[in-house]
């Protein structure tokens, strides 16, 4: 029997979207961190729904359409139980970092393609995945607003947009949520973004809330790093060693509280305010269940403050992405 009360809900900005405080980021279901089996991925999504998760986050660039197909098949019989988020804007360039396209005509084309792959009539939350600096944000969001008028999209979001971009976008059409990498390890840009979002009544969706695995205690050496994470500076050489030492206070507190490091890291995020939700990714039902339990973990104010002080903003070693990809974030 499904019990939807098992995962607390938080409303995104000024929207009508009440989402599970811990959702599921679906990127890893498309081979980003090693092989993924479609049948297993679909079963994972249905298991998450049974556990009361309703927030599922995809993108047209995860597997270049593959992820939306998987998500669409998984939710086909459960559409009413799901707040469906997906993203557009990144384009593939062979042998180079991804490009971006925020032109209004492309916005319409990308949305129609996502709707077909997902097998739905409307997307609940549609994000611009990366800001296109060659197109005024007003033009891109204007086209996204047209999708709302056409009934193809319910609410709008931005991913990796800097504060002034968010303000300009929000002036064109209400933005329900902004999405940026946010964890105890990487939060400098996220904190700046979150201050602006909160002032505008926009919710903050934290992706990679476990530092792409760094905060789970599962990464002890470079041998534990798989998929495209190996190209991220944070997991290389001296950066890995420095970050591993930096996040030890999470492991210490987890041992003291009798829970996992992942649960501590997620509970810390959720304690930042009701306008914050997390979308950790996983391919495994047991990990999903572990992450969901973080919503019930209570950290005292002193514990929240102690973790923030022990892992200061800006102290992480190595950038969030390789150099080429860093040019596309916080734009």
C-alpha atoms as a PDB file:
ATOM      1  CA  UNK A   1       0.000   0.000   0.000  1.00  0.00           C
ATOM      2  CA  UNK A   2       1.452   3.347  -1.037  1.00  0.00           C
ATOM      3  CA  UNK A   3       1.806   5.911   1.737  1.00  0.00           C
ATOM      4  CA  UNK A   4       2.370   9.370   0.273  1.00  0.00           C
ATOM      5  CA  UNK A   5       2.925  10.841   3.725  1.00  0.00           C
ATOM      6  CA  UNK A   6       6.280   9.060   3.951  1.00  0.00           C
ATOM      7  CA  UNK A   7       8.044  11.903   2.126  1.00  0.00           C
ATOM      8  CA  UNK A   8       7.245  15.484   3.214  1.00  0.00           C
ATOM      9  CA  UNK A   9       6.104  17.858   0.473  1.00  0.00           C
ATOM     10  CA  UNK A  10       7.280  21.388  -0.233  1.00  0.00           C
ATOM     11  CA  UNK A  11       5.645  23.800  -2.673  1.00  0.00           C
ATOM     12  CA  UNK A  12       7.826  25.219  -5.433  1.00  0.00           C
ATOM     13  CA  UNK A  13       7.774  28.998  -5.419  1.00  0.00           C
ATOM     14  CA  UNK A  14       4.444  30.529  -6.336  1.00  0.00           C
ATOM     15  CA  UNK A  15       3.382  27.445  -8.280  1.00  0.00           C
ATOM     16  CA  UNK A  16       0.813  24.776  -7.509  1.00  0.00           C
ATOM     17  CA  UNK A  17       3.532  22.116  -7.491  1.00  0.00           C
ATOM     18  CA  UNK A  18       3.898  20.372  -4.125  1.00  0.00           C
ATOM     19  CA  UNK A  19       6.908  18.098  -4.487  1.00  0.00           C
ATOM     20  CA  UNK A  20       8.610  15.546  -2.268  1.00  0.00           C
ATOM     21  CA  UNK A  21      11.395  17.249  -0.326  1.00  0.00           C
ATOM     22  CA  UNK A  22      13.703  14.503  -1.594  1.00  0.00           C
ATOM     23  CA  UNK A  23      13.061  13.693  -5.229  1.00  0.00           C
ATOM     24  CA  UNK A  24      14.927  11.703  -7.849  1.00  0.00           C
ATOM     25  CA  UNK A  25      17.412  13.166 -10.293  1.00  0.00           C
ATOM     26  CA  UNK A  26      17.243  10.784 -13.242  1.00  0.00           C
ATOM     27  CA  UNK A  27      20.524  11.549 -15.040  1.00  0.00           C
ATOM     28  CA  UNK A  28      22.309   8.416 -13.800  1.00  0.00           C
ATOM     29  CA  UNK A  29      19.635   6.253 -15.462  1.00  0.00           C
ATOM     30  CA  UNK A  30      21.229   7.048 -18.819  1.00  0.00           C
ATOM     31  CA  UNK A  31      24.741   5.707 -18.377  1.00  0.00           C
ATOM     32  CA  UNK A  32      26.368   8.827 -16.977  1.00  0.00           C
ATOM     33  CA  UNK A  33      27.900   6.967 -14.010  1.00  0.00           C
ATOM     34  CA  UNK A  34      28.210   3.522 -15.561  1.00  0.00           C
ATOM     35  CA  UNK A  35      25.815   1.224 -17.378  1.00  0.00           C
ATOM     36  CA  UNK A  36      22.122   1.399 -16.540  1.00  0.00           C
ATOM     37  CA  UNK A  37      19.495  -1.189 -17.437  1.00  0.00           C
ATOM     38  CA  UNK A  38      16.250   0.338 -18.688  1.00  0.00           C
ATOM     39  CA  UNK A  39      13.957  -2.212 -17.054  1.00  0.00           C
ATOM     40  CA  UNK A  40      15.725  -1.738 -13.722  1.00  0.00           C
ATOM     41  CA  UNK A  41      15.541   2.044 -14.101  1.00  0.00           C
ATOM     42  CA  UNK A  42      11.819   1.951 -14.791  1.00  0.00           C
ATOM     43  CA  UNK A  43      11.295  -0.310 -11.779  1.00  0.00           C
ATOM     44  CA  UNK A  44      13.282   2.153  -9.647  1.00  0.00           C
ATOM     45  CA  UNK A  45      11.037   5.036 -10.677  1.00  0.00           C
ATOM     46  CA  UNK A  46       7.907   3.024  -9.888  1.00  0.00           C
ATOM     47  CA  UNK A  47       9.413   2.030  -6.521  1.00  0.00           C
ATOM     48  CA  UNK A  48      10.073   5.710  -5.806  1.00  0.00           C
ATOM     49  CA  UNK A  49       6.453   6.565  -6.584  1.00  0.00           C
ATOM     50  CA  UNK A  50       5.309   3.776  -4.261  1.00  0.00           C
ATOM     51  CA  UNK A  51       7.463   5.318  -1.531  1.00  0.00           C
ATOM     52  CA  UNK A  52       5.758   8.688  -1.976  1.00  0.00           C
ATOM     53  CA  UNK A  53       8.317  10.395  -4.219  1.00  0.00           C
ATOM     54  CA  UNK A  54       6.593  12.545  -6.823  1.00  0.00           C
ATOM     55  CA  UNK A  55       9.428  14.794  -8.033  1.00  0.00           C
ATOM     56  CA  UNK A  56      11.335  13.382 -11.022  1.00  0.00           C
ATOM     57  CA  UNK A  57      13.917  15.457 -12.859  1.00  0.00           C
ATOM     58  CA  UNK A  58      15.045  14.635 -16.397  1.00  0.00           C
ATOM     59  CA  UNK A  59      16.566  16.470 -19.371  1.00  0.00           C
ATOM     60  CA  UNK A  60      16.648  16.091 -23.122  1.00  0.00           C
ATOM     61  CA  UNK A  61      20.465  15.883 -22.940  1.00  0.00           C
ATOM     62  CA  UNK A  62      20.615  12.931 -20.534  1.00  0.00           C
ATOM     63  CA  UNK A  63      21.458  10.227 -23.030  1.00  0.00           C
ATOM     64  CA  UNK A  64      20.288  12.704 -25.698  1.00  0.00           C
ATOM     65  CA  UNK A  65      16.644  11.706 -25.407  1.00  0.00           C
ATOM     66  CA  UNK A  66      17.115   8.279 -23.844  1.00  0.00           C
ATOM     67  CA  UNK A  67      16.345   9.468 -20.311  1.00  0.00           C
ATOM     68  CA  UNK A  68      13.012  10.999 -21.239  1.00  0.00           C
ATOM     69  CA  UNK A  69      11.994   7.767 -22.973  1.00  0.00           C
ATOM     70  CA  UNK A  70      12.808   5.751 -19.839  1.00  0.00           C
ATOM     71  CA  UNK A  71      11.003   8.165 -17.534  1.00  0.00           C
ATOM     72  CA  UNK A  72       8.024   8.320 -19.858  1.00  0.00           C
ATOM     73  CA  UNK A  73       7.601   4.554 -19.917  1.00  0.00           C
ATOM     74  CA  UNK A  74       7.975   4.312 -16.140  1.00  0.00           C
ATOM     75  CA  UNK A  75       5.284   6.870 -15.342  1.00  0.00           C
ATOM     76  CA  UNK A  76       2.823   5.955 -18.088  1.00  0.00           C
ATOM     77  CA  UNK A  77       0.337   4.374 -15.690  1.00  0.00           C
ATOM     78  CA  UNK A  78       1.180   6.753 -12.811  1.00  0.00           C
ATOM     79  CA  UNK A  79       1.117  10.198 -14.447  1.00  0.00           C
ATOM     80  CA  UNK A  80      -1.177  11.701 -11.801  1.00  0.00           C
ATOM     81  CA  UNK A  81       1.277  10.691  -9.078  1.00  0.00           C
ATOM     82  CA  UNK A  82       4.187  12.576 -10.649  1.00  0.00           C
ATOM     83  CA  UNK A  83       5.506  16.128 -10.861  1.00  0.00           C
ATOM     84  CA  UNK A  84       7.469  15.828 -14.084  1.00  0.00           C
ATOM     85  CA  UNK A  85      10.424  18.142 -14.647  1.00  0.00           C
ATOM     86  CA  UNK A  86      12.654  18.183 -17.694  1.00  0.00           C
ATOM     87  CA  UNK A  87      15.081  20.595 -19.296  1.00  0.00           C
ATOM     88  CA  UNK A  88      16.189  21.893 -22.693  1.00  0.00           C
ATOM     89  CA  UNK A  89      18.959  24.072 -24.041  1.00  0.00           C
ATOM     90  CA  UNK A  90      22.095  21.961 -24.267  1.00  0.00           C
ATOM     91  CA  UNK A  91      23.062  20.725 -27.721  1.00  0.00           C
ATOM     92  CA  UNK A  92      25.569  18.051 -28.660  1.00  0.00           C
ATOM     93  CA  UNK A  93      28.866  18.987 -30.308  1.00  0.00           C
ATOM     94  CA  UNK A  94      30.987  15.938 -31.064  1.00  0.00           C
ATOM     95  CA  UNK A  95      34.463  16.154 -29.548  1.00  0.00           C
ATOM     96  CA  UNK A  96      33.696  19.450 -27.802  1.00  0.00           C
ATOM     97  CA  UNK A  97      31.850  20.627 -24.717  1.00  0.00           C
ATOM     98  CA  UNK A  98      28.090  20.821 -25.201  1.00  0.00           C
ATOM     99  CA  UNK A  99      26.743  23.909 -26.900  1.00  0.00           C
ATOM    100  CA  UNK A 100      23.649  25.886 -25.884  1.00  0.00           C
ATOM    101  CA  UNK A 101      20.633  27.118 -27.781  1.00  0.00           C
ATOM    102  CA  UNK A 102      18.145  29.521 -26.246  1.00  0.00           C
ATOM    103  CA  UNK A 103      16.568  30.838 -29.453  1.00  0.00           C
ATOM    104  CA  UNK A 104      12.771  31.063 -29.231  1.00  0.00           C
ATOM    105  CA  UNK A 105      12.153  28.768 -32.204  1.00  0.00           C
ATOM    106  CA  UNK A 106      14.397  26.124 -30.656  1.00  0.00           C
ATOM    107  CA  UNK A 107      12.539  26.381 -27.332  1.00  0.00           C
ATOM    108  CA  UNK A 108       9.328  25.359 -29.096  1.00  0.00           C
ATOM    109  CA  UNK A 109      11.000  22.534 -31.037  1.00  0.00           C
ATOM    110  CA  UNK A 110      12.755  21.151 -27.955  1.00  0.00           C
ATOM    111  CA  UNK A 111       9.552  21.125 -25.917  1.00  0.00           C
ATOM    112  CA  UNK A 112       7.596  19.286 -28.599  1.00  0.00           C
ATOM    113  CA  UNK A 113      10.361  16.674 -28.859  1.00  0.00           C
ATOM    114  CA  UNK A 114      10.399  16.171 -25.075  1.00  0.00           C
ATOM    115  CA  UNK A 115       6.612  15.797 -24.956  1.00  0.00           C
ATOM    116  CA  UNK A 116       6.799  13.074 -27.615  1.00  0.00           C
ATOM    117  CA  UNK A 117       9.556  11.158 -25.837  1.00  0.00           C
ATOM    118  CA  UNK A 118       7.874  11.438 -22.441  1.00  0.00           C
ATOM    119  CA  UNK A 119       4.520  10.452 -23.901  1.00  0.00           C
ATOM    120  CA  UNK A 120       2.674  13.207 -22.023  1.00  0.00           C
ATOM    121  CA  UNK A 121       0.528  16.178 -22.979  1.00  0.00           C
ATOM    122  CA  UNK A 122       2.067  18.628 -20.522  1.00  0.00           C
ATOM    123  CA  UNK A 123       5.357  19.060 -18.644  1.00  0.00           C
ATOM    124  CA  UNK A 124       4.875  20.227 -15.064  1.00  0.00           C
ATOM    125  CA  UNK A 125       8.177  22.105 -14.712  1.00  0.00           C
ATOM    126  CA  UNK A 126      10.239  23.077 -17.759  1.00  0.00           C
ATOM    127  CA  UNK A 127      13.770  24.385 -17.226  1.00  0.00           C
ATOM    128  CA  UNK A 128      16.268  26.098 -19.424  1.00  0.00           C
ATOM    129  CA  UNK A 129      19.161  23.729 -18.678  1.00  0.00           C
ATOM    130  CA  UNK A 130      21.933  26.190 -19.499  1.00  0.00           C
ATOM    131  CA  UNK A 131      21.610  29.888 -20.253  1.00  0.00           C
ATOM    132  CA  UNK A 132      22.518  30.901 -23.803  1.00  0.00           C
ATOM    133  CA  UNK A 133      24.590  34.097 -23.460  1.00  0.00           C
ATOM    134  CA  UNK A 134      24.027  34.917 -27.144  1.00  0.00           C
ATOM    135  CA  UNK A 135      20.254  35.242 -26.674  1.00  0.00           C
ATOM    136  CA  UNK A 136      18.677  37.742 -24.260  1.00  0.00           C
ATOM    137  CA  UNK A 137      17.079  35.787 -21.431  1.00  0.00           C
ATOM    138  CA  UNK A 138      13.912  37.806 -22.017  1.00  0.00           C
ATOM    139  CA  UNK A 139      13.536  36.224 -25.464  1.00  0.00           C
ATOM    140  CA  UNK A 140      14.122  32.683 -24.233  1.00  0.00           C
ATOM    141  CA  UNK A 141      11.743  33.014 -21.298  1.00  0.00           C
ATOM    142  CA  UNK A 142       9.226  34.747 -23.523  1.00  0.00           C
ATOM    143  CA  UNK A 143       9.129  31.610 -25.677  1.00  0.00           C
ATOM    144  CA  UNK A 144       8.883  29.434 -22.567  1.00  0.00           C
ATOM    145  CA  UNK A 145       5.955  31.570 -21.403  1.00  0.00           C
ATOM    146  CA  UNK A 146       4.289  30.902 -24.748  1.00  0.00           C
ATOM    147  CA  UNK A 147       4.508  27.183 -23.964  1.00  0.00           C
ATOM    148  CA  UNK A 148       2.564  27.859 -20.774  1.00  0.00           C
ATOM    149  CA  UNK A 149      -0.069  29.753 -22.754  1.00  0.00           C
ATOM    150  CA  UNK A 150      -0.349  26.823 -25.181  1.00  0.00           C
ATOM    151  CA  UNK A 151      -0.861  24.366 -22.313  1.00  0.00           C
ATOM    152  CA  UNK A 152       2.307  22.405 -23.070  1.00  0.00           C
ATOM    153  CA  UNK A 153       4.068  23.458 -19.867  1.00  0.00           C
ATOM    154  CA  UNK A 154       2.662  24.339 -16.433  1.00  0.00           C
ATOM    155  CA  UNK A 155       5.542  26.175 -14.713  1.00  0.00           C
ATOM    156  CA  UNK A 156       9.007  27.442 -15.611  1.00  0.00           C
ATOM    157  CA  UNK A 157      12.477  26.988 -14.156  1.00  0.00           C
ATOM    158  CA  UNK A 158      16.101  27.946 -14.800  1.00  0.00           C
ATOM    159  CA  UNK A 159      19.239  25.901 -14.207  1.00  0.00           C
ATOM    160  CA  UNK A 160      22.685  27.362 -13.442  1.00  0.00           C
ATOM    161  CA  UNK A 161      21.504  30.942 -13.972  1.00  0.00           C
ATOM    162  CA  UNK A 162      23.218  33.733 -12.092  1.00  0.00           C
ATOM    163  CA  UNK A 163      21.179  36.119  -9.904  1.00  0.00           C
ATOM    164  CA  UNK A 164      20.828  38.960 -12.396  1.00  0.00           C
ATOM    165  CA  UNK A 165      19.692  36.503 -15.075  1.00  0.00           C
ATOM    166  CA  UNK A 166      17.058  35.138 -12.694  1.00  0.00           C
ATOM    167  CA  UNK A 167      15.763  38.623 -11.931  1.00  0.00           C
ATOM    168  CA  UNK A 168      15.423  39.476 -15.625  1.00  0.00           C
ATOM    169  CA  UNK A 169      13.725  36.166 -16.396  1.00  0.00           C
ATOM    170  CA  UNK A 170      11.307  36.465 -13.490  1.00  0.00           C
ATOM    171  CA  UNK A 171      10.273  39.914 -14.734  1.00  0.00           C
ATOM    172  CA  UNK A 172       9.094  38.323 -18.004  1.00  0.00           C
ATOM    173  CA  UNK A 173       7.239  35.358 -16.481  1.00  0.00           C
ATOM    174  CA  UNK A 174       7.156  33.932 -12.944  1.00  0.00           C
ATOM    175  CA  UNK A 175       9.923  31.409 -12.340  1.00  0.00           C
ATOM    176  CA  UNK A 176       8.881  28.624  -9.952  1.00  0.00           C
ATOM    177  CA  UNK A 177      12.297  27.068  -9.304  1.00  0.00           C
ATOM    178  CA  UNK A 178      15.973  27.523  -9.979  1.00  0.00           C
ATOM    179  CA  UNK A 179      18.366  24.619 -10.038  1.00  0.00           C
ATOM    180  CA  UNK A 180      22.060  24.697  -9.205  1.00  0.00           C
ATOM    181  CA  UNK A 181      24.552  22.257  -7.748  1.00  0.00           C
ATOM    182  CA  UNK A 182      24.271  22.667  -3.988  1.00  0.00           C
ATOM    183  CA  UNK A 183      25.827  20.615  -1.217  1.00  0.00           C
ATOM    184  CA  UNK A 184      27.983  21.117   1.839  1.00  0.00           C
ATOM    185  CA  UNK A 185      30.978  20.777  -0.472  1.00  0.00           C
ATOM    186  CA  UNK A 186      29.943  23.120  -3.301  1.00  0.00           C
ATOM    187  CA  UNK A 187      27.711  25.973  -2.259  1.00  0.00           C
ATOM    188  CA  UNK A 188      29.405  29.288  -2.970  1.00  0.00           C
ATOM    189  CA  UNK A 189      27.446  30.046  -6.159  1.00  0.00           C
ATOM    190  CA  UNK A 190      24.368  28.269  -4.830  1.00  0.00           C
ATOM    191  CA  UNK A 191      24.221  30.481  -1.735  1.00  0.00           C
ATOM    192  CA  UNK A 192      24.375  33.620  -3.862  1.00  0.00           C
ATOM    193  CA  UNK A 193      21.683  32.277  -6.178  1.00  0.00           C
ATOM    194  CA  UNK A 194      19.510  31.178  -3.271  1.00  0.00           C
ATOM    195  CA  UNK A 195      19.477  34.634  -1.692  1.00  0.00           C
ATOM    196  CA  UNK A 196      18.075  36.095  -4.900  1.00  0.00           C
ATOM    197  CA  UNK A 197      15.622  33.239  -5.408  1.00  0.00           C
ATOM    198  CA  UNK A 198      14.306  33.543  -1.866  1.00  0.00           C
ATOM    199  CA  UNK A 199      13.804  37.286  -2.224  1.00  0.00           C
ATOM    200  CA  UNK A 200      11.746  36.668  -5.374  1.00  0.00           C
ATOM    201  CA  UNK A 201       9.717  33.810  -3.879  1.00  0.00           C
ATOM    202  CA  UNK A 202      11.410  31.198  -6.083  1.00  0.00           C
ATOM    203  CA  UNK A 203      12.263  27.743  -4.743  1.00  0.00           C
ATOM    204  CA  UNK A 204      15.736  26.231  -4.956  1.00  0.00           C
ATOM    205  CA  UNK A 205      16.252  22.714  -6.345  1.00  0.00           C
ATOM    206  CA  UNK A 206      19.612  21.275  -5.271  1.00  0.00           C
ATOM    207  CA  UNK A 207      21.146  18.913  -7.793  1.00  0.00           C
ATOM    208  CA  UNK A 208      24.211  16.792  -6.961  1.00  0.00           C
ATOM    209  CA  UNK A 209      23.378  17.310  -3.258  1.00  0.00           C
ATOM    210  CA  UNK A 210      25.802  14.508  -2.342  1.00  0.00           C
ATOM    211  CA  UNK A 211      28.719  16.082  -4.196  1.00  0.00           C
ATOM    212  CA  UNK A 212      28.466  13.452  -6.955  1.00  0.00           C
ATOM    213  CA  UNK A 213      29.208  10.808  -4.346  1.00  0.00           C
ATOM    214  CA  UNK A 214      31.929  12.621  -2.390  1.00  0.00           C
ATOM    215  CA  UNK A 215      29.654  13.048   0.639  1.00  0.00           C
ATOM    216  CA  UNK A 216      28.445   9.443   0.775  1.00  0.00           C
ATOM    217  CA  UNK A 217      31.605   7.884   2.179  1.00  0.00           C
ATOM    218  CA  UNK A 218      31.726   5.506  -0.768  1.00  0.00           C
ATOM    219  CA  UNK A 219      34.630   7.237  -2.549  1.00  0.00           C
ATOM    220  CA  UNK A 220      37.914   6.405  -0.891  1.00  0.00           C
ATOM    221  CA  UNK A 221      40.244   6.703  -3.893  1.00  0.00           C
ATOM    222  CA  UNK A 222      40.293   7.404  -7.625  1.00  0.00           C
ATOM    223  CA  UNK A 223      39.489   3.724  -8.209  1.00  0.00           C
ATOM    224  CA  UNK A 224      36.003   4.372  -6.820  1.00  0.00           C
ATOM    225  CA  UNK A 225      35.267   7.071  -9.410  1.00  0.00           C
ATOM    226  CA  UNK A 226      33.405   5.872 -12.494  1.00  0.00           C
ATOM    227  CA  UNK A 227      31.776   7.299 -15.606  1.00  0.00           C
ATOM    228  CA  UNK A 228      32.261  10.911 -16.499  1.00  0.00           C
ATOM    229  CA  UNK A 229      33.030  11.842 -12.891  1.00  0.00           C
ATOM    230  CA  UNK A 230      36.637  10.875 -13.606  1.00  0.00           C
ATOM    231  CA  UNK A 231      36.948  14.008 -15.739  1.00  0.00           C
ATOM    232  CA  UNK A 232      35.850  16.265 -12.879  1.00  0.00           C
ATOM    233  CA  UNK A 233      38.758  18.015 -11.127  1.00  0.00           C
ATOM    234  CA  UNK A 234      37.238  17.358  -7.684  1.00  0.00           C
ATOM    235  CA  UNK A 235      38.029  13.636  -8.092  1.00  0.00           C
ATOM    236  CA  UNK A 236      41.579  14.000  -9.377  1.00  0.00           C
ATOM    237  CA  UNK A 237      44.916  13.735  -7.561  1.00  0.00           C
ATOM    238  CA  UNK A 238      45.432  16.202  -4.746  1.00  0.00           C
ATOM    239  CA  UNK A 239      41.898  17.566  -5.168  1.00  0.00           C
ATOM    240  CA  UNK A 240      40.418  14.205  -4.248  1.00  0.00           C
ATOM    241  CA  UNK A 241      42.619  13.839  -1.187  1.00  0.00           C
ATOM    242  CA  UNK A 242      41.849  17.373  -0.008  1.00  0.00           C
ATOM    243  CA  UNK A 243      38.103  16.998  -0.483  1.00  0.00           C
ATOM    244  CA  UNK A 244      38.054  13.611   1.198  1.00  0.00           C
ATOM    245  CA  UNK A 245      39.634  15.186   4.304  1.00  0.00           C
ATOM    246  CA  UNK A 246      37.391  18.258   4.121  1.00  0.00           C
ATOM    247  CA  UNK A 247      34.139  16.273   4.337  1.00  0.00           C
ATOM    248  CA  UNK A 248      35.194  14.055   7.261  1.00  0.00           C
ATOM    249  CA  UNK A 249      32.986  16.012   9.716  1.00  0.00           C
ATOM    250  CA  UNK A 250      29.960  14.611   7.871  1.00  0.00           C
ATOM    251  CA  UNK A 251      31.160  11.059   8.492  1.00  0.00           C
ATOM    252  CA  UNK A 252      31.884  11.834  12.138  1.00  0.00           C
ATOM    253  CA  UNK A 253      28.411  13.253  12.752  1.00  0.00           C
ATOM    254  CA  UNK A 254      26.769  10.346  10.913  1.00  0.00           C
ATOM    255  CA  UNK A 255      28.560   7.848  13.144  1.00  0.00           C
ATOM    256  CA  UNK A 256      27.466   9.760  16.232  1.00  0.00           C
ATOM    257  CA  UNK A 257      23.830   9.888  15.115  1.00  0.00           C
ATOM    258  CA  UNK A 258      23.717   6.295  13.899  1.00  0.00           C
ATOM    259  CA  UNK A 259      22.839   7.179  10.294  1.00  0.00           C
ATOM    260  CA  UNK A 260      24.652   7.386   6.975  1.00  0.00           C
ATOM    261  CA  UNK A 261      26.768  10.292   5.687  1.00  0.00           C
ATOM    262  CA  UNK A 262      24.329  10.726   2.792  1.00  0.00           C
ATOM    263  CA  UNK A 263      21.482  11.235   5.229  1.00  0.00           C
ATOM    264  CA  UNK A 264      23.420  13.854   7.169  1.00  0.00           C
ATOM    265  CA  UNK A 265      24.334  15.726   3.975  1.00  0.00           C
ATOM    266  CA  UNK A 266      20.734  15.732   2.726  1.00  0.00           C
ATOM    267  CA  UNK A 267      19.284  16.645   6.128  1.00  0.00           C
ATOM    268  CA  UNK A 268      21.666  19.622   6.263  1.00  0.00           C
ATOM    269  CA  UNK A 269      20.338  20.819   2.891  1.00  0.00           C
ATOM    270  CA  UNK A 270      16.701  20.410   3.875  1.00  0.00           C
ATOM    271  CA  UNK A 271      17.397  22.367   7.061  1.00  0.00           C
ATOM    272  CA  UNK A 272      18.301  25.410   4.956  1.00  0.00           C
ATOM    273  CA  UNK A 273      14.622  26.254   4.541  1.00  0.00           C
ATOM    274  CA  UNK A 274      11.311  25.037   3.193  1.00  0.00           C
ATOM    275  CA  UNK A 275      12.157  26.664  -0.132  1.00  0.00           C
ATOM    276  CA  UNK A 276      14.916  24.063  -0.704  1.00  0.00           C
ATOM    277  CA  UNK A 277      14.374  20.581  -2.137  1.00  0.00           C
ATOM    278  CA  UNK A 278      16.954  17.999  -3.193  1.00  0.00           C
ATOM    279  CA  UNK A 279      17.096  15.665  -6.185  1.00  0.00           C
ATOM    280  CA  UNK A 280      19.858  13.115  -5.486  1.00  0.00           C
ATOM    281  CA  UNK A 281      20.373  10.593  -8.238  1.00  0.00           C
ATOM    282  CA  UNK A 282      20.804   6.850  -7.929  1.00  0.00           C
ATOM    283  CA  UNK A 283      20.288   3.644  -9.895  1.00  0.00           C
ATOM    284  CA  UNK A 284      19.575   1.546  -6.805  1.00  0.00           C
ATOM    285  CA  UNK A 285      16.387   1.149  -4.771  1.00  0.00           C
ATOM    286  CA  UNK A 286      18.320   0.681  -1.526  1.00  0.00           C
ATOM    287  CA  UNK A 287      20.129   3.991  -2.035  1.00  0.00           C
ATOM    288  CA  UNK A 288      16.872   5.712  -2.846  1.00  0.00           C
ATOM    289  CA  UNK A 289      15.349   4.430   0.387  1.00  0.00           C
ATOM    290  CA  UNK A 290      18.424   5.599   2.275  1.00  0.00           C
ATOM    291  CA  UNK A 291      18.112   9.081   0.770  1.00  0.00           C
ATOM    292  CA  UNK A 292      14.413   9.330   1.566  1.00  0.00           C
ATOM    293  CA  UNK A 293      15.101   8.594   5.244  1.00  0.00           C
ATOM    294  CA  UNK A 294      17.045  11.863   5.379  1.00  0.00           C
ATOM    295  CA  UNK A 295      13.730  13.727   5.370  1.00  0.00           C
ATOM    296  CA  UNK A 296      13.074  12.311   8.841  1.00  0.00           C
ATOM    297  CA  UNK A 297      16.526  13.060  10.226  1.00  0.00           C
ATOM    298  CA  UNK A 298      16.543  16.084  12.503  1.00  0.00           C
ATOM    299  CA  UNK A 299      19.752  18.058  12.894  1.00  0.00           C
ATOM    300  CA  UNK A 300      19.945  20.598  15.697  1.00  0.00           C
ATOM    301  CA  UNK A 301      20.712  24.215  14.856  1.00  0.00           C
ATOM    302  CA  UNK A 302      24.124  23.693  16.426  1.00  0.00           C
ATOM    303  CA  UNK A 303      24.808  20.667  14.202  1.00  0.00           C
ATOM    304  CA  UNK A 304      23.744  22.553  11.079  1.00  0.00           C
ATOM    305  CA  UNK A 305      25.969  25.494  11.959  1.00  0.00           C
ATOM    306  CA  UNK A 306      28.878  23.260  12.960  1.00  0.00           C
ATOM    307  CA  UNK A 307      28.875  21.458   9.616  1.00  0.00           C
ATOM    308  CA  UNK A 308      28.762  24.731   7.708  1.00  0.00           C
ATOM    309  CA  UNK A 309      31.691  26.058   9.721  1.00  0.00           C
ATOM    310  CA  UNK A 310      33.725  22.867   9.366  1.00  0.00           C
ATOM    311  CA  UNK A 311      33.244  22.800   5.590  1.00  0.00           C
ATOM    312  CA  UNK A 312      33.331  26.499   4.681  1.00  0.00           C
ATOM    313  CA  UNK A 313      31.802  27.761   1.459  1.00  0.00           C
ATOM    314  CA  UNK A 314      34.541  27.980  -1.170  1.00  0.00           C
ATOM    315  CA  UNK A 315      36.819  25.470   0.568  1.00  0.00           C
ATOM    316  CA  UNK A 316      36.322  22.648  -1.977  1.00  0.00           C
ATOM    317  CA  UNK A 317      39.380  21.702  -3.988  1.00  0.00           C
ATOM    318  CA  UNK A 318      38.934  21.674  -7.747  1.00  0.00           C
ATOM    319  CA  UNK A 319      36.149  23.138  -9.840  1.00  0.00           C
ATOM    320  CA  UNK A 320      32.667  21.631 -10.137  1.00  0.00           C
ATOM    321  CA  UNK A 321      33.160  20.760 -13.809  1.00  0.00           C
ATOM    322  CA  UNK A 322      36.066  20.530 -16.266  1.00  0.00           C
ATOM    323  CA  UNK A 323      37.221  23.882 -17.615  1.00  0.00           C
ATOM    324  CA  UNK A 324      35.114  23.817 -20.789  1.00  0.00           C
ATOM    325  CA  UNK A 325      31.900  23.011 -18.970  1.00  0.00           C
ATOM    326  CA  UNK A 326      32.546  25.640 -16.285  1.00  0.00           C
ATOM    327  CA  UNK A 327      31.983  28.298 -18.944  1.00  0.00           C
ATOM    328  CA  UNK A 328      28.327  27.257 -19.125  1.00  0.00           C
ATOM    329  CA  UNK A 329      27.411  27.505 -15.446  1.00  0.00           C
ATOM    330  CA  UNK A 330      26.349  30.508 -13.366  1.00  0.00           C
ATOM    331  CA  UNK A 331      25.585  32.527 -16.508  1.00  0.00           C
END
